[in-house]
Amino acid sequence: MSDVLALVLAGGRGKRMDILCQARPKPALPFAGRFKVIDFSLSNCVYFGIDDIAVLTDYQRSHLADYLEQWSLANAKSTGLRTLEPGNGSYEGTADAVYQSLGYLAERGVERVLILAGDHVYKLNYNGMLAFHQRVNADVTVAVTPVPIEQAHRFGTVNLATDGRILGFQEKSPAPQSNLASMGIYVFNKDILAERLTEDASDRGSQHDFGYSILPRMVKQDRVFAYMFDGYWQDIGTVGAYYEANLELIRVQPSFSLDGKFPVLTFEPRLLPSRLDKQANIRNSLVSPGCVIRGRVENSILSPGVWVGEEAVVRGSVIMGGVSIARHSLVDHCVLDEGVNIGEFCNIGDGCITVLGKGVAIPPKTSVDGNYGQSPQIVTFGQQGRRRLEHAPREAYCHSG
């Protein structure tokens, strides 16, 4: 599609992801074992004819740039996939990221700009949204989807007229007036985008963010429309959302498929098939290539290179690459980052979502149990081993060094 440029916003630090994003940007998080979160937005572009793509990186940018180069060689040889960095320092917000890329937009000679978040899980045919944008003669079209009203405070929400025009846009309101959430997917006419971003850049009081600044102002003066989406979409902006989105894939009737007509495109090195010993027992789990399983794995997601020892049990957990779980240990309702090493006869989790950061080593015969009290909680542990436990809503989590 020669008149459309896709800009994928992939520079965020992911502060609400805490320890999982200390050493990587959120779009580079492993997902569903073999994939990265950014694979979903990129795959949608390739499948639906968007062949001019730029990924805007910032936090831990080299980490993501290396992966994107490999991804492009593997999946998009005929697609122009570029990586753009801040011209000066870091981006001040999502709108500033695109503002700093206006020179690149001018070079492309496109009429419409498709702006995507690099940290969402979904499949969406962008052609339908682009056609809707043209049919209603919009200046900007925002993809929206209904969410439970109790979760609406996590998102930008919209109020609509009967013709689909957006009458109000509230970003992360503590008392949202609607359950129609912005998906962070926008189609802009290039000229109006450049004009509004330039105006915003000169406003010292602005947060330079699409949700907080650009869209609320445009609703008052431009033609802003909503494109309704009724498929599966998940913004993995919190540890709880990340955990739930992974485990959604192994439910009896998952809302989302990694395969089907448009399988998710990724890059992964060639690995030997997983090795399962005679005593291995795997139930309702996704096990990636290169794993060695000698114990029991239930209702879990395993990335490549995971080792599960004899009589060890992994239950209801997301295990990233290179993790080692020694014999007779239990890992229950956990997220274990890359390279975690669990010693023998350990008990990890058992009552709350427990997150171990990259490279954490747990000595043999250690119990890590954050289930103190009635409220559901998420507990994180860093390499220094310090922890602070709090009773918190499910989207919240506890900080640790």
Foldseek 3Di string as FASTA:
>chain_A
DQQEEEEEEFADQLVQAFQQRPQHTQQQRDFLFAFGLLLQVVLLCVVQPNQHYEYEYEVNRVVVVVFVVLLCVVPPVPGHYYYHYAPDHHALEPLSSVLSCLVVVVVSNHFKYKYHYSQKHDHDNCVVVVVVCVVVVFQKEFEKEFDPQVCQLQAWAFDADPVQWTQAIAGSDPRDPGRIGTQRIMMHGSVVSNVQSVVQVVDPPDSSYCRGPRVRVCSVPTGYGYDYDYADMFRPSHPLSRLVVRLLAQDPDRRDDCDPPRHRRGDDDDAAAEAEDPCEAEESEDAEGQEYGQAYEYSERHHHDEYAEHPEYEESEYEHHNEYAYHCEYHYQEYEDHQEYEEANEYEEDAAYEYEHHNAYHYHNYYHYQRDDDAHAYWYAYNVGDTDHDRDHSRHYTHYD
